[in-house]
N, C-alpha and C. Protein backbone atom coordinates (compact mmCIF):
# COMPACT_ATOMS: atom_id res chain seq x y z
N MET A 1 -9.20 -49.93 -16.96
CA MET A 1 -10.03 -48.78 -16.53
C MET A 1 -11.76 -48.41 -17.36
N ALA A 2 -12.79 -48.06 -15.62
CA ALA A 2 -14.11 -48.02 -16.28
C ALA A 2 -14.82 -47.32 -16.94
N SER A 3 -16.12 -47.57 -17.91
CA SER A 3 -15.72 -46.65 -19.09
C SER A 3 -17.15 -45.68 -18.38
N GLY A 4 -17.63 -44.71 -19.09
CA GLY A 4 -19.14 -43.96 -18.76
C GLY A 4 -19.77 -44.35 -18.38
N TRP A 5 -20.27 -45.49 -19.53
CA TRP A 5 -21.96 -46.82 -19.62
C TRP A 5 -21.30 -47.54 -18.00
N PHE A 6 -20.03 -47.98 -17.54
CA PHE A 6 -20.86 -48.45 -16.36
C PHE A 6 -20.69 -47.93 -15.46
N TYR A 7 -20.69 -46.97 -14.93
CA TYR A 7 -20.83 -45.64 -14.20
C TYR A 7 -22.10 -45.40 -13.91
N LEU A 8 -23.47 -44.96 -15.44
CA LEU A 8 -23.84 -44.63 -15.42
C LEU A 8 -25.19 -45.71 -15.31
N SER A 9 -24.81 -47.14 -15.53
CA SER A 9 -25.34 -48.57 -15.27
C SER A 9 -25.13 -48.70 -13.55
N CYS A 10 -24.09 -48.43 -13.22
CA CYS A 10 -24.40 -48.52 -11.73
C CYS A 10 -25.38 -47.40 -11.10
N LEU A 11 -25.48 -46.21 -11.79
CA LEU A 11 -26.47 -45.06 -10.60
C LEU A 11 -27.82 -45.45 -11.47
N VAL A 12 -28.20 -45.88 -12.10
CA VAL A 12 -29.23 -46.59 -13.01
C VAL A 12 -30.10 -47.62 -11.83
N LEU A 13 -29.12 -48.52 -11.58
CA LEU A 13 -29.42 -49.98 -10.55
C LEU A 13 -29.63 -49.21 -9.63
N GLY A 14 -29.32 -48.86 -9.30
CA GLY A 14 -28.87 -48.33 -7.71
C GLY A 14 -29.96 -47.71 -7.25
N SER A 15 -30.15 -46.72 -8.30
CA SER A 15 -31.47 -45.81 -7.99
C SER A 15 -32.83 -47.28 -8.23
N LEU A 16 -32.41 -47.39 -9.01
CA LEU A 16 -33.68 -48.76 -9.02
C LEU A 16 -33.86 -49.52 -7.59
N GLY A 17 -32.80 -49.92 -7.38
CA GLY A 17 -32.61 -51.03 -6.15
C GLY A 17 -33.43 -49.89 -4.98
N SER A 18 -32.61 -48.29 -4.75
CA SER A 18 -33.56 -47.67 -3.48
C SER A 18 -35.01 -47.55 -3.49
N MET A 19 -35.53 -47.26 -5.23
CA MET A 19 -37.12 -47.14 -5.21
C MET A 19 -37.83 -48.39 -5.38
N CYS A 20 -37.44 -49.15 -4.92
CA CYS A 20 -37.89 -50.82 -4.52
C CYS A 20 -37.95 -50.97 -3.02
N ILE A 21 -37.05 -50.53 -2.73
CA ILE A 21 -37.08 -50.43 -0.95
C ILE A 21 -38.71 -49.10 -0.44
N LEU A 22 -38.10 -47.92 -1.53
CA LEU A 22 -39.43 -47.32 -1.03
C LEU A 22 -40.44 -47.29 -1.58
N PHE A 23 -41.09 -48.09 -2.61
CA PHE A 23 -42.01 -48.74 -3.30
C PHE A 23 -42.48 -49.23 -2.02
N THR A 24 -41.75 -50.74 -1.71
CA THR A 24 -42.24 -51.60 -0.52
C THR A 24 -42.38 -51.15 0.95
N ALA A 25 -41.44 -50.14 1.40
CA ALA A 25 -42.06 -49.37 2.10
C ALA A 25 -43.32 -48.39 2.46
N TYR A 26 -43.52 -47.75 1.29
CA TYR A 26 -45.13 -47.29 0.94
C TYR A 26 -45.73 -48.57 1.10
N TRP A 27 -45.70 -49.06 0.36
CA TRP A 27 -46.73 -50.07 0.30
C TRP A 27 -47.86 -50.68 1.74
N MET A 28 -46.29 -50.93 2.23
CA MET A 28 -46.58 -51.90 3.91
C MET A 28 -47.18 -50.88 4.99
N GLN A 29 -46.79 -49.36 4.52
CA GLN A 29 -47.09 -48.14 5.48
C GLN A 29 -48.82 -47.84 5.26
N PHE A 30 -48.88 -47.90 3.84
CA PHE A 30 -50.02 -47.08 3.87
C PHE A 30 -51.49 -48.10 3.17
N TRP A 31 -51.04 -49.42 2.41
CA TRP A 31 -51.40 -50.61 2.57
C TRP A 31 -51.64 -51.26 3.23
N CYS A 32 -51.32 -52.04 4.38
CA CYS A 32 -50.76 -52.91 5.17
C CYS A 32 -51.00 -52.14 6.85
N GLY A 33 -51.30 -51.22 6.76
CA GLY A 33 -51.38 -50.49 8.25
C GLY A 33 -50.21 -50.73 8.53
N GLY A 34 -49.33 -50.13 8.24
CA GLY A 34 -48.04 -48.99 8.71
C GLY A 34 -46.93 -50.77 9.48
N PHE A 35 -46.20 -49.92 10.65
CA PHE A 35 -44.98 -50.64 11.26
C PHE A 35 -45.19 -50.63 12.31
N ALA A 36 -44.51 -51.81 13.75
CA ALA A 36 -44.38 -51.21 14.66
C ALA A 36 -43.65 -52.36 14.92
N TRP A 37 -43.42 -52.05 16.32
CA TRP A 37 -41.97 -52.57 16.91
C TRP A 37 -42.67 -53.83 18.46
N ASP A 38 -44.17 -53.24 18.83
CA ASP A 38 -44.48 -53.73 20.00
C ASP A 38 -45.57 -55.20 19.93
N GLY A 39 -44.89 -55.84 19.13
CA GLY A 39 -45.19 -57.29 19.41
C GLY A 39 -46.41 -57.99 18.14
N SER A 40 -47.29 -57.07 17.91
CA SER A 40 -49.41 -56.99 17.40
C SER A 40 -47.84 -57.14 16.22
N THR A 41 -49.23 -57.73 15.17
CA THR A 41 -48.99 -58.12 13.95
C THR A 41 -48.61 -57.36 13.15
N HIS A 42 -48.72 -55.90 13.36
CA HIS A 42 -47.46 -54.72 12.44
C HIS A 42 -45.93 -55.17 12.61
N THR A 43 -46.03 -56.06 13.30
CA THR A 43 -44.01 -55.41 13.14
C THR A 43 -44.07 -56.84 12.56
N PHE A 44 -44.56 -57.52 11.85
CA PHE A 44 -44.20 -58.16 10.95
C PHE A 44 -44.48 -57.92 9.49
N ASN A 45 -44.72 -56.51 9.63
CA ASN A 45 -44.89 -55.64 8.36
C ASN A 45 -43.07 -55.02 7.78
N TRP A 46 -42.22 -55.13 8.83
CA TRP A 46 -41.12 -54.61 8.48
C TRP A 46 -39.99 -55.87 7.87
N HIS A 47 -40.61 -57.40 7.39
CA HIS A 47 -40.52 -58.43 7.15
C HIS A 47 -39.62 -58.14 5.48
N PRO A 48 -41.10 -57.83 4.45
CA PRO A 48 -41.20 -57.69 3.13
C PRO A 48 -39.90 -56.17 2.50
N VAL A 49 -39.84 -55.17 3.50
CA VAL A 49 -39.24 -54.09 3.46
C VAL A 49 -37.74 -54.89 3.57
N LEU A 50 -37.18 -55.21 5.28
CA LEU A 50 -36.22 -55.70 4.92
C LEU A 50 -35.69 -57.25 3.77
N THR A 51 -36.30 -57.61 3.48
CA THR A 51 -36.41 -58.42 2.42
C THR A 51 -35.90 -58.14 1.05
N VAL A 52 -36.45 -57.21 0.85
CA VAL A 52 -36.12 -56.24 -0.28
C VAL A 52 -34.97 -55.55 0.05
N ALA A 53 -34.10 -54.97 0.82
CA ALA A 53 -33.19 -54.48 0.93
C ALA A 53 -32.12 -55.06 1.11
N GLY A 54 -32.36 -56.34 1.42
CA GLY A 54 -31.35 -57.36 2.18
C GLY A 54 -31.03 -58.17 1.05
N MET A 55 -32.29 -58.82 0.62
CA MET A 55 -31.51 -60.34 -0.42
C MET A 55 -31.45 -59.40 -1.66
N VAL A 56 -32.67 -58.68 -2.29
CA VAL A 56 -32.64 -57.89 -3.30
C VAL A 56 -31.88 -57.26 -3.71
N VAL A 57 -31.37 -55.93 -2.77
CA VAL A 57 -30.79 -54.91 -2.85
C VAL A 57 -29.39 -55.08 -2.59
N PHE A 58 -29.05 -55.24 -1.90
CA PHE A 58 -27.68 -55.26 -0.93
C PHE A 58 -26.79 -56.67 -1.26
N TYR A 59 -27.63 -57.66 -1.66
CA TYR A 59 -26.82 -58.89 -1.75
C TYR A 59 -27.04 -58.81 -3.73
N GLY A 60 -28.26 -58.22 -4.20
CA GLY A 60 -27.63 -58.44 -5.48
C GLY A 60 -26.48 -57.82 -6.10
N ALA A 61 -26.26 -56.46 -4.99
CA ALA A 61 -24.99 -55.77 -5.82
C ALA A 61 -23.45 -56.45 -5.93
N GLY A 62 -23.75 -57.32 -4.26
CA GLY A 62 -22.03 -57.84 -4.14
C GLY A 62 -22.18 -59.69 -4.88
N ASP A 63 -23.50 -60.22 -5.53
CA ASP A 63 -23.46 -61.31 -5.77
C ASP A 63 -22.72 -61.46 -6.97
N ARG A 64 -22.33 -60.83 -8.25
CA ARG A 64 -21.80 -61.29 -8.86
C ARG A 64 -20.05 -60.65 -9.07
N THR A 65 -19.72 -60.02 -7.91
CA THR A 65 -18.60 -59.78 -8.09
C THR A 65 -17.31 -60.68 -8.12
N PRO A 66 -16.59 -60.38 -9.42
CA PRO A 66 -15.86 -61.40 -9.43
C PRO A 66 -14.67 -61.04 -8.44
N ALA A 67 -14.45 -62.70 -7.77
CA ALA A 67 -12.97 -62.67 -7.14
C ALA A 67 -11.89 -63.44 -7.47
N CYS A 68 -11.22 -63.34 -9.34
CA CYS A 68 -10.93 -64.04 -9.94
C CYS A 68 -9.91 -63.02 -9.57
N PRO A 69 -8.23 -63.39 -10.13
CA PRO A 69 -7.72 -62.91 -10.46
C PRO A 69 -7.43 -62.18 -11.89
N ALA A 70 -6.93 -60.42 -12.24
CA ALA A 70 -7.65 -59.86 -13.87
C ALA A 70 -7.01 -60.35 -14.69
N ARG A 71 -5.95 -61.52 -14.77
CA ARG A 71 -5.63 -61.78 -16.12
C ARG A 71 -5.33 -63.20 -16.15
N LEU A 72 -6.58 -63.81 -16.59
CA LEU A 72 -7.06 -64.89 -16.84
C LEU A 72 -7.78 -64.65 -18.47
N SER A 73 -7.93 -65.74 -19.12
CA SER A 73 -7.82 -65.76 -20.44
C SER A 73 -9.87 -66.16 -20.20
N LEU A 74 -10.89 -65.56 -20.93
CA LEU A 74 -12.13 -65.29 -21.13
C LEU A 74 -12.51 -66.56 -20.00
N PRO A 75 -12.42 -67.57 -21.23
CA PRO A 75 -12.75 -69.09 -20.46
C PRO A 75 -12.95 -69.31 -19.17
N THR A 76 -11.40 -69.47 -18.87
CA THR A 76 -11.19 -69.15 -17.53
C THR A 76 -11.70 -68.29 -16.57
N ALA A 77 -11.62 -67.43 -16.80
CA ALA A 77 -13.11 -66.16 -15.48
C ALA A 77 -14.14 -66.36 -15.62
N LEU A 78 -14.60 -67.01 -16.54
CA LEU A 78 -16.22 -67.32 -16.60
C LEU A 78 -16.39 -68.52 -15.82
N GLY A 79 -15.50 -69.48 -16.30
CA GLY A 79 -15.68 -71.22 -15.56
C GLY A 79 -15.02 -70.84 -13.75
N CYS A 80 -14.21 -69.80 -13.50
CA CYS A 80 -14.61 -68.88 -11.72
C CYS A 80 -15.64 -68.10 -11.55
N TRP A 81 -16.06 -67.53 -12.52
CA TRP A 81 -17.29 -67.00 -11.93
C TRP A 81 -18.70 -68.00 -11.88
N CYS A 82 -18.83 -69.13 -12.85
CA CYS A 82 -20.15 -69.90 -12.60
C CYS A 82 -19.38 -70.97 -10.92
N ALA A 83 -18.27 -71.14 -10.69
CA ALA A 83 -18.17 -71.93 -9.83
C ALA A 83 -18.47 -70.91 -8.50
N GLN A 84 -18.20 -69.88 -8.55
CA GLN A 84 -18.77 -68.78 -7.29
C GLN A 84 -20.01 -68.55 -7.58
N SER A 85 -20.40 -68.85 -8.51
CA SER A 85 -22.05 -68.81 -8.24
C SER A 85 -22.62 -69.68 -7.93
N GLN A 86 -22.32 -70.90 -8.67
CA GLN A 86 -22.71 -72.13 -7.95
C GLN A 86 -22.77 -72.07 -6.48
N GLY A 87 -21.57 -71.39 -5.94
CA GLY A 87 -21.48 -71.72 -4.24
C GLY A 87 -22.41 -71.00 -3.18
N SER A 88 -23.04 -69.90 -4.31
CA SER A 88 -23.58 -68.96 -3.09
C SER A 88 -25.68 -69.25 -3.11
């Protein structure tokens, strides 16, 4: 059973990830000229926002989720986790 610290950590890290997306969008909107879908140079301004959202926040949230059986010894579970990390 997960403890209160786990849920607090998830809340803090989820908030930090959301803030990263918002700050990146703010930076692109106000310092780099805004966003566009018309094929102009402002279309590329979506790239940093979507990169932060996809690669940093969403991939980071699911990257280290172990897919190992729950009743493994610690060395076996760490080996399973390392093998998954090398594959990604």
